[in-house]
N, C-alpha and C. Protein backbone atom coordinates (compact mmCIF):
# COMPACT_ATOMS: atom_id res chain seq x y z
N UNK A 1 147.13 94.52 80.45
CA UNK A 1 148.27 93.69 80.68
C UNK A 1 148.05 92.96 82.01
N UNK A 2 148.35 91.66 82.02
CA UNK A 2 148.16 90.82 83.20
C UNK A 2 149.47 90.16 83.53
N UNK A 3 149.89 90.27 84.79
CA UNK A 3 151.10 89.57 85.22
C UNK A 3 150.71 88.42 86.13
N UNK A 4 151.26 87.27 85.87
CA UNK A 4 150.97 86.07 86.65
C UNK A 4 152.28 85.58 87.24
N UNK A 5 152.30 85.33 88.53
CA UNK A 5 153.51 84.83 89.18
C UNK A 5 153.25 83.41 89.64
N UNK A 6 154.09 82.48 89.19
CA UNK A 6 153.94 81.08 89.56
C UNK A 6 155.09 80.70 90.48
N UNK A 7 154.77 79.99 91.53
CA UNK A 7 155.81 79.50 92.45
C UNK A 7 155.85 77.99 92.30
N UNK A 8 157.05 77.43 91.91
CA UNK A 8 157.18 75.99 91.68
C UNK A 8 158.46 75.52 92.35
N UNK A 9 158.32 74.91 93.50
CA UNK A 9 159.45 74.32 94.20
C UNK A 9 160.55 75.32 94.52
N UNK A 10 160.20 76.50 94.93
CA UNK A 10 161.20 77.47 95.32
C UNK A 10 161.61 78.41 94.20
N UNK A 11 161.25 78.13 92.97
CA UNK A 11 161.60 79.03 91.88
C UNK A 11 160.36 79.85 91.51
N UNK A 12 160.63 81.10 91.18
CA UNK A 12 159.53 82.01 90.80
C UNK A 12 159.62 82.31 89.32
N UNK A 13 158.49 82.21 88.66
CA UNK A 13 158.43 82.48 87.23
C UNK A 13 157.32 83.53 87.01
N UNK A 14 157.65 84.63 86.33
CA UNK A 14 156.68 85.69 86.06
C UNK A 14 156.35 85.69 84.58
N UNK A 15 155.06 85.67 84.29
CA UNK A 15 154.60 85.69 82.91
C UNK A 15 153.76 86.95 82.70
N UNK A 16 154.04 87.67 81.63
CA UNK A 16 153.28 88.88 81.31
C UNK A 16 152.48 88.61 80.05
N UNK A 17 151.18 88.88 80.13
CA UNK A 17 150.31 88.66 78.99
C UNK A 17 149.61 89.98 78.66
N UNK A 18 149.58 90.33 77.40
CA UNK A 18 148.87 91.52 76.96
C UNK A 18 147.68 91.07 76.13
N UNK A 19 146.50 91.54 76.54
CA UNK A 19 145.27 91.17 75.83
C UNK A 19 144.82 92.34 74.98
N UNK A 20 144.48 92.06 73.76
CA UNK A 20 143.95 93.10 72.88
C UNK A 20 142.57 92.68 72.41
N UNK A 21 141.71 93.65 72.28
CA UNK A 21 140.37 93.37 71.79
C UNK A 21 140.11 94.25 70.58
N UNK A 22 139.38 93.72 69.67
CA UNK A 22 138.98 94.51 68.52
C UNK A 22 137.46 94.56 68.47
N UNK A 23 136.95 95.70 68.10
CA UNK A 23 135.50 95.85 67.99
C UNK A 23 135.08 95.68 66.55
N UNK A 24 134.02 94.93 66.40
CA UNK A 24 133.46 94.74 65.07
C UNK A 24 132.57 95.93 64.76
N UNK A 25 132.56 96.38 63.53
CA UNK A 25 131.64 97.48 63.19
C UNK A 25 130.20 96.98 63.29
N UNK A 26 129.33 97.88 63.72
CA UNK A 26 127.92 97.51 63.87
C UNK A 26 127.29 97.35 62.50
N UNK A 27 126.47 96.32 62.41
CA UNK A 27 125.75 96.09 61.16
C UNK A 27 124.40 96.77 61.26
N UNK A 28 123.67 96.79 60.18
CA UNK A 28 122.37 97.45 60.17
C UNK A 28 121.39 96.79 61.14
N UNK A 29 121.53 95.50 61.34
CA UNK A 29 120.60 94.81 62.24
C UNK A 29 120.93 95.12 63.69
N UNK A 30 122.16 95.53 64.00
CA UNK A 30 122.53 95.84 65.38
C UNK A 30 122.21 97.28 65.75
N UNK A 31 122.10 98.16 64.79
CA UNK A 31 121.82 99.57 65.05
C UNK A 31 120.31 99.76 65.14
N UNK A 32 119.86 100.33 66.27
CA UNK A 32 118.44 100.56 66.47
C UNK A 32 118.14 102.03 66.24
N UNK A 33 117.12 102.31 65.48
CA UNK A 33 116.68 103.67 65.24
C UNK A 33 115.46 103.93 66.09
N UNK A 34 115.41 105.14 66.68
CA UNK A 34 114.27 105.50 67.50
C UNK A 34 113.16 106.03 66.61
N UNK A 35 111.95 105.56 66.89
CA UNK A 35 110.79 106.03 66.16
C UNK A 35 110.27 107.29 66.84
N UNK A 36 109.77 108.26 66.09
CA UNK A 36 109.22 109.45 66.72
C UNK A 36 107.95 109.11 67.49
N UNK A 37 107.69 109.86 68.55
CA UNK A 37 106.50 109.62 69.37
C UNK A 37 105.26 109.93 68.54
N UNK A 38 104.19 109.16 68.72
CA UNK A 38 102.96 109.43 67.97
C UNK A 38 102.37 110.77 68.40
N UNK A 39 101.79 111.49 67.45
CA UNK A 39 101.18 112.78 67.75
C UNK A 39 99.82 112.55 68.41
N UNK A 40 99.53 113.41 69.40
CA UNK A 40 98.25 113.30 70.09
C UNK A 40 97.17 113.98 69.26
N UNK A 41 96.02 113.34 69.23
CA UNK A 41 94.89 113.92 68.52
C UNK A 41 94.19 114.91 69.44
N UNK A 42 93.86 116.05 68.89
CA UNK A 42 93.14 117.05 69.67
C UNK A 42 91.66 116.76 69.61
N UNK A 43 91.03 116.79 70.78
CA UNK A 43 89.59 116.58 70.83
C UNK A 43 88.96 117.79 71.48
N UNK A 44 87.87 118.23 70.94
CA UNK A 44 87.15 119.36 71.53
C UNK A 44 85.68 119.00 71.61
N UNK A 45 85.03 119.52 72.62
CA UNK A 45 83.61 119.28 72.78
C UNK A 45 82.82 120.18 71.83
N UNK A 46 83.38 121.38 71.55
CA UNK A 46 82.70 122.33 70.68
C UNK A 46 83.10 122.05 69.24
N UNK A 47 82.12 121.70 68.41
CA UNK A 47 82.44 121.33 67.03
C UNK A 47 82.66 122.55 66.15
N UNK A 48 82.25 123.74 66.61
CA UNK A 48 82.48 124.96 65.83
C UNK A 48 83.95 125.35 65.95
N UNK A 49 84.57 125.77 64.84
CA UNK A 49 85.96 126.17 64.93
C UNK A 49 86.13 127.40 65.82
N UNK A 50 87.21 127.45 66.53
CA UNK A 50 87.46 128.55 67.45
C UNK A 50 87.94 129.78 66.68
N UNK A 51 87.48 130.94 67.14
CA UNK A 51 87.97 132.18 66.53
C UNK A 51 89.11 132.72 67.39
N UNK A 52 89.72 133.79 66.95
CA UNK A 52 90.91 134.30 67.64
C UNK A 52 90.60 134.82 69.04
N UNK A 53 89.35 135.23 69.30
CA UNK A 53 89.01 135.76 70.62
C UNK A 53 88.52 134.73 71.60
N UNK A 54 88.42 133.48 71.18
CA UNK A 54 87.90 132.44 72.06
C UNK A 54 88.92 132.08 73.13
N UNK A 55 88.40 131.73 74.28
CA UNK A 55 89.22 131.36 75.41
C UNK A 55 89.25 129.84 75.49
N UNK A 56 90.43 129.23 75.39
CA UNK A 56 90.57 127.77 75.41
C UNK A 56 91.22 127.33 76.72
N UNK A 57 90.93 126.09 77.10
CA UNK A 57 91.57 125.50 78.28
C UNK A 57 93.03 125.19 77.93
N UNK A 58 93.98 125.67 78.71
CA UNK A 58 95.38 125.41 78.42
C UNK A 58 95.81 123.99 78.77
N UNK A 59 95.02 123.32 79.62
CA UNK A 59 95.34 121.97 80.08
C UNK A 59 94.07 121.30 80.58
N UNK A 60 94.08 119.99 80.75
CA UNK A 60 92.90 119.33 81.31
C UNK A 60 92.71 119.75 82.76
N UNK A 61 91.47 119.85 83.19
CA UNK A 61 91.22 120.23 84.57
C UNK A 61 89.73 120.31 84.87
N UNK A 62 89.42 120.93 86.01
CA UNK A 62 88.04 121.05 86.48
C UNK A 62 87.73 122.54 86.66
N UNK A 63 86.56 122.97 86.19
CA UNK A 63 86.14 124.36 86.32
C UNK A 63 85.71 124.59 87.76
N UNK A 64 86.43 125.45 88.47
CA UNK A 64 86.08 125.76 89.87
C UNK A 64 85.11 126.92 89.97
N UNK A 65 85.36 127.97 89.17
CA UNK A 65 84.56 129.17 89.30
C UNK A 65 84.47 129.90 87.96
N UNK A 66 83.29 130.46 87.68
CA UNK A 66 83.09 131.29 86.48
C UNK A 66 82.81 132.70 86.97
N UNK A 67 83.64 133.65 86.56
CA UNK A 67 83.56 135.03 87.06
C UNK A 67 82.92 136.00 86.08
N UNK A 68 82.22 135.53 85.08
CA UNK A 68 81.61 136.41 84.09
C UNK A 68 80.25 135.86 83.69
N UNK A 69 79.51 136.66 82.92
CA UNK A 69 78.21 136.25 82.41
C UNK A 69 78.16 136.56 80.92
N UNK A 70 77.27 135.89 80.21
CA UNK A 70 77.09 136.16 78.78
C UNK A 70 76.62 137.60 78.61
N UNK A 71 77.19 138.30 77.65
CA UNK A 71 76.84 139.70 77.39
C UNK A 71 77.68 140.69 78.17
N UNK A 72 78.52 140.21 79.09
CA UNK A 72 79.34 141.12 79.90
C UNK A 72 80.51 141.66 79.08
N UNK A 73 80.82 142.95 79.32
CA UNK A 73 81.99 143.55 78.69
C UNK A 73 83.19 143.28 79.59
N UNK A 74 84.28 142.79 78.98
CA UNK A 74 85.49 142.48 79.76
C UNK A 74 86.69 143.19 79.15
N UNK A 75 87.70 143.41 79.99
CA UNK A 75 88.95 144.02 79.53
C UNK A 75 90.00 142.92 79.39
N UNK A 76 91.02 143.18 78.62
CA UNK A 76 92.12 142.22 78.48
C UNK A 76 92.75 141.98 79.85
N UNK A 77 92.92 140.72 80.20
CA UNK A 77 93.53 140.37 81.49
C UNK A 77 92.54 140.09 82.60
N UNK A 78 91.24 140.38 82.39
CA UNK A 78 90.24 140.05 83.42
C UNK A 78 90.18 138.54 83.60
N UNK A 79 90.10 138.10 84.86
CA UNK A 79 89.98 136.66 85.16
C UNK A 79 88.53 136.24 84.92
N UNK A 80 88.33 135.39 83.91
CA UNK A 80 86.98 134.95 83.57
C UNK A 80 86.64 133.61 84.19
N UNK A 81 87.63 132.71 84.29
CA UNK A 81 87.38 131.36 84.80
C UNK A 81 88.57 130.95 85.66
N UNK A 82 88.29 130.18 86.71
CA UNK A 82 89.35 129.56 87.51
C UNK A 82 89.29 128.07 87.25
N UNK A 83 90.41 127.53 86.77
CA UNK A 83 90.52 126.12 86.39
C UNK A 83 91.48 125.42 87.35
N UNK A 84 91.01 124.33 87.95
CA UNK A 84 91.88 123.54 88.82
C UNK A 84 92.53 122.44 87.99
N UNK A 85 93.86 122.42 88.02
CA UNK A 85 94.61 121.39 87.31
C UNK A 85 95.83 121.04 88.12
N UNK A 86 96.09 119.77 88.31
CA UNK A 86 97.25 119.29 89.06
C UNK A 86 97.31 119.91 90.46
N UNK A 87 96.17 119.98 91.14
CA UNK A 87 96.04 120.48 92.50
C UNK A 87 96.39 121.98 92.63
N UNK A 88 96.33 122.70 91.50
CA UNK A 88 96.59 124.13 91.52
C UNK A 88 95.45 124.87 90.84
N UNK A 89 95.19 126.09 91.30
CA UNK A 89 94.17 126.93 90.68
C UNK A 89 94.84 127.82 89.63
N UNK A 90 94.30 127.81 88.42
CA UNK A 90 94.84 128.60 87.32
C UNK A 90 93.81 129.62 86.88
N UNK A 91 94.22 130.89 86.82
CA UNK A 91 93.33 131.95 86.34
C UNK A 91 93.34 131.95 84.82
N UNK A 92 92.17 131.84 84.23
CA UNK A 92 92.03 131.91 82.78
C UNK A 92 91.52 133.32 82.49
N UNK A 93 92.36 134.11 81.80
CA UNK A 93 92.07 135.52 81.60
C UNK A 93 91.63 135.82 80.17
N UNK A 94 90.96 136.95 80.02
CA UNK A 94 90.52 137.39 78.70
C UNK A 94 91.74 137.79 77.88
N UNK A 95 91.86 137.27 76.65
CA UNK A 95 93.02 137.60 75.82
C UNK A 95 92.97 139.02 75.27
N UNK A 96 91.76 139.60 75.20
CA UNK A 96 91.59 140.96 74.68
C UNK A 96 90.29 141.52 75.23
N UNK A 97 90.11 142.80 75.08
CA UNK A 97 88.87 143.43 75.50
C UNK A 97 87.76 143.02 74.53
N UNK A 98 86.57 142.85 75.07
CA UNK A 98 85.46 142.46 74.21
C UNK A 98 84.22 142.13 75.02
N UNK A 99 83.27 141.47 74.36
CA UNK A 99 82.01 141.08 74.98
C UNK A 99 81.93 139.55 75.00
N UNK A 100 81.52 139.01 76.14
CA UNK A 100 81.36 137.56 76.27
C UNK A 100 80.11 137.15 75.49
N UNK A 101 80.33 136.35 74.45
CA UNK A 101 79.23 135.91 73.59
C UNK A 101 78.56 134.67 74.17
N UNK A 102 79.36 133.69 74.63
CA UNK A 102 78.81 132.44 75.16
C UNK A 102 79.79 131.82 76.14
N UNK A 103 79.26 131.18 77.16
CA UNK A 103 80.07 130.41 78.11
C UNK A 103 79.73 128.95 77.87
N UNK A 104 80.73 128.16 77.48
CA UNK A 104 80.50 126.77 77.07
C UNK A 104 80.69 125.75 78.18
N UNK A 105 80.94 126.19 79.41
CA UNK A 105 81.20 125.26 80.52
C UNK A 105 80.38 125.66 81.73
N UNK A 106 80.30 124.74 82.70
CA UNK A 106 79.63 125.02 83.97
C UNK A 106 80.59 124.71 85.10
N UNK A 107 80.34 125.28 86.26
CA UNK A 107 81.19 125.01 87.42
C UNK A 107 81.11 123.53 87.77
N UNK A 108 82.28 122.94 88.06
CA UNK A 108 82.35 121.53 88.41
C UNK A 108 82.60 120.62 87.22
N UNK A 109 82.52 121.16 86.01
CA UNK A 109 82.71 120.36 84.80
C UNK A 109 84.20 120.10 84.54
N UNK A 110 84.51 118.90 84.08
CA UNK A 110 85.87 118.56 83.68
C UNK A 110 86.05 118.91 82.21
N UNK A 111 87.21 119.50 81.88
CA UNK A 111 87.49 119.89 80.50
C UNK A 111 88.83 119.32 80.07
N UNK A 112 89.02 119.20 78.77
CA UNK A 112 90.27 118.73 78.19
C UNK A 112 91.04 119.94 77.65
N UNK A 113 92.31 119.76 77.39
CA UNK A 113 93.13 120.82 76.81
C UNK A 113 92.53 121.24 75.47
N UNK A 114 92.53 122.52 75.20
CA UNK A 114 92.04 123.13 73.96
C UNK A 114 90.52 123.14 73.81
N UNK A 115 89.78 122.75 74.84
CA UNK A 115 88.33 122.92 74.79
C UNK A 115 88.03 124.43 74.84
N UNK A 116 87.06 124.89 74.05
CA UNK A 116 86.68 126.31 74.07
C UNK A 116 85.80 126.53 75.29
N UNK A 117 86.28 127.38 76.21
CA UNK A 117 85.57 127.65 77.45
C UNK A 117 84.59 128.82 77.28
N UNK A 118 85.08 129.90 76.64
CA UNK A 118 84.29 131.12 76.47
C UNK A 118 84.46 131.62 75.04
N UNK A 119 83.35 131.99 74.40
CA UNK A 119 83.41 132.63 73.08
C UNK A 119 83.27 134.13 73.29
N UNK A 120 84.15 134.89 72.62
CA UNK A 120 84.12 136.34 72.75
C UNK A 120 83.98 137.00 71.39
N UNK A 121 83.36 138.18 71.39
CA UNK A 121 83.23 138.97 70.17
C UNK A 121 84.38 139.94 70.09
């Protein structure tokens, strides 16, 4: 509601105006639908499929240190590799007790997420 006061030669006149608006329903061309984000393709350097005991990189990063050797017996939770990612050091631990079959990385190497770092028996 808008009130307007006019002064004309000493006389005052007040006018009240009420404005109403109506909304039009949206048409199909006005409604935008969001498209789902494209799925990322997984890439791995190791073409052999990973087994359940394999140790994978949880994120992209750089291998700082390798704390095991091929043929070594390890216990679940032993730190096998230290991976630097986002300026932080991440301990990559053995998921279960077993024997290290192969180490697929070297210190200083950059890895992508889901790359197989260590194969275990």
